[in-house]
Amino acid sequence: MGKSVSVAVSVSIALFAIGLIAIAALFLTPLLAHGATAPTWVYALTPLTPIGFLVGVVAAVLGGRAGDHEQAP
């Protein structure tokens, strides 16, 4: 299960980072484009931040549980 947890954590980091970049673009676009709003796809990417966070939390919890079963005396 270690490999799948590692992949899930990598995916969660990527999703979270894409979401953060989208949020930054959402706030910076009006400043840089003289008041124009951000494109719709930027708004569509912003929910990736909490999704990435939740995937990371679930992967960490499942990875911790897998480690508990392997270390039983």
C-alpha atoms as a PDB file:
ATOM      1  CA  MET A   1       0.000   0.000   0.000  1.00  0.00           C
ATOM      2  CA  GLY A   2       3.014   2.295   0.327  1.00  0.00           C
ATOM      3  CA  LYS A   3       3.326   2.898  -3.410  1.00  0.00           C
ATOM      4  CA  SER A   4      -0.350   3.868  -3.821  1.00  0.00           C
ATOM      5  CA  VAL A   5      -0.129   6.239  -0.857  1.00  0.00           C
ATOM      6  CA  SER A   6       2.949   7.846  -2.375  1.00  0.00           C
ATOM      7  CA  VAL A   7       1.131   8.320  -5.686  1.00  0.00           C
ATOM      8  CA  ALA A   8      -1.927   9.719  -3.899  1.00  0.00           C
ATOM      9  CA  VAL A   9       0.220  12.214  -1.991  1.00  0.00           C
ATOM     10  CA  SER A  10       1.933  13.291  -5.214  1.00  0.00           C
ATOM     11  CA  VAL A  11      -1.441  13.747  -6.908  1.00  0.00           C
ATOM     12  CA  SER A  12      -2.758  15.711  -3.933  1.00  0.00           C
ATOM     13  CA  ILE A  13       0.255  18.033  -3.995  1.00  0.00           C
ATOM     14  CA  ALA A  14      -0.228  18.626  -7.725  1.00  0.00           C
ATOM     15  CA  LEU A  15      -3.961  19.321  -7.336  1.00  0.00           C
ATOM     16  CA  PHE A  16      -3.359  21.639  -4.399  1.00  0.00           C
ATOM     17  CA  ALA A  17      -0.642  23.550  -6.265  1.00  0.00           C
ATOM     18  CA  ILE A  18      -2.787  23.958  -9.385  1.00  0.00           C
ATOM     19  CA  GLY A  19      -5.620  25.244  -7.213  1.00  0.00           C
ATOM     20  CA  LEU A  20      -3.344  27.741  -5.463  1.00  0.00           C
ATOM     21  CA  ILE A  21      -2.026  29.010  -8.793  1.00  0.00           C
ATOM     22  CA  ALA A  22      -5.613  29.411 -10.006  1.00  0.00           C
ATOM     23  CA  ILE A  23      -6.533  31.369  -6.867  1.00  0.00           C
ATOM     24  CA  ALA A  24      -3.515  33.626  -7.346  1.00  0.00           C
ATOM     25  CA  ALA A  25      -4.483  34.150 -10.995  1.00  0.00           C
ATOM     26  CA  LEU A  26      -8.035  34.923  -9.909  1.00  0.00           C
ATOM     27  CA  PHE A  27      -6.846  37.804  -7.748  1.00  0.00           C
ATOM     28  CA  LEU A  28      -4.017  38.996  -9.998  1.00  0.00           C
ATOM     29  CA  THR A  29      -5.942  39.079 -13.294  1.00  0.00           C
ATOM     30  CA  PRO A  30      -7.950  42.239 -12.483  1.00  0.00           C
ATOM     31  CA  LEU A  31      -4.789  43.999 -11.348  1.00  0.00           C
ATOM     32  CA  LEU A  32      -2.782  43.069 -14.417  1.00  0.00           C
ATOM     33  CA  ALA A  33      -5.575  43.263 -17.017  1.00  0.00           C
ATOM     34  CA  HIS A  34      -6.885  46.707 -15.983  1.00  0.00           C
ATOM     35  CA  GLY A  35     -10.041  45.479 -14.268  1.00  0.00           C
ATOM     36  CA  ALA A  36     -10.944  42.579 -16.563  1.00  0.00           C
ATOM     37  CA  THR A  37     -12.218  39.458 -14.862  1.00  0.00           C
ATOM     38  CA  ALA A  38     -10.404  36.156 -14.981  1.00  0.00           C
ATOM     39  CA  PRO A  39     -11.399  33.582 -17.606  1.00  0.00           C
ATOM     40  CA  THR A  40     -13.977  30.973 -16.650  1.00  0.00           C
ATOM     41  CA  TRP A  41     -11.397  28.165 -16.596  1.00  0.00           C
ATOM     42  CA  VAL A  42      -9.581  29.940 -13.747  1.00  0.00           C
ATOM     43  CA  TYR A  43     -12.771  29.875 -11.696  1.00  0.00           C
ATOM     44  CA  ALA A  44     -13.211  26.194 -12.594  1.00  0.00           C
ATOM     45  CA  LEU A  45      -9.709  25.300 -11.349  1.00  0.00           C
ATOM     46  CA  THR A  46      -9.998  26.940  -7.921  1.00  0.00           C
ATOM     47  CA  PRO A  47     -11.881  24.003  -6.299  1.00  0.00           C
ATOM     48  CA  LEU A  48      -8.801  21.854  -6.870  1.00  0.00           C
ATOM     49  CA  THR A  49      -7.225  23.358  -3.746  1.00  0.00           C
ATOM     50  CA  PRO A  50      -9.598  21.763  -1.200  1.00  0.00           C
ATOM     51  CA  ILE A  51      -9.855  18.601  -3.314  1.00  0.00           C
ATOM     52  CA  GLY A  52      -6.074  18.230  -3.240  1.00  0.00           C
ATOM     53  CA  PHE A  53      -6.069  18.871   0.496  1.00  0.00           C
ATOM     54  CA  LEU A  54      -8.711  16.203   1.104  1.00  0.00           C
ATOM     55  CA  VAL A  55      -6.911  13.660  -1.094  1.00  0.00           C
ATOM     56  CA  GLY A  56      -3.734  14.307   0.898  1.00  0.00           C
ATOM     57  CA  VAL A  57      -5.484  13.892   4.240  1.00  0.00           C
ATOM     58  CA  VAL A  58      -7.168  10.665   3.139  1.00  0.00           C
ATOM     59  CA  ALA A  59      -3.866   9.318   1.795  1.00  0.00           C
ATOM     60  CA  ALA A  60      -2.091  10.171   5.042  1.00  0.00           C
ATOM     61  CA  VAL A  61      -4.787   8.539   7.165  1.00  0.00           C
ATOM     62  CA  LEU A  62      -4.878   5.401   5.030  1.00  0.00           C
ATOM     63  CA  GLY A  63      -1.084   5.261   4.952  1.00  0.00           C
ATOM     64  CA  GLY A  64      -0.961   5.530   8.735  1.00  0.00           C
ATOM     65  CA  ARG A  65      -3.505   2.763   9.151  1.00  0.00           C
ATOM     66  CA  ALA A  66      -1.571   0.480   6.829  1.00  0.00           C
ATOM     67  CA  GLY A  67       1.541   1.049   8.939  1.00  0.00           C
ATOM     68  CA  ASP A  68      -0.338   0.189  12.144  1.00  0.00           C
ATOM     69  CA  HIS A  69      -1.342  -3.248  10.864  1.00  0.00           C
ATOM     70  CA  GLU A  70       2.163  -4.116   9.724  1.00  0.00           C
ATOM     71  CA  GLN A  71       3.778  -3.320  13.108  1.00  0.00           C
ATOM     72  CA  ALA A  72       1.512  -5.497  15.255  1.00  0.00           C
ATOM     73  CA  PRO A  73       3.511  -7.656  17.740  1.00  0.00           C
END
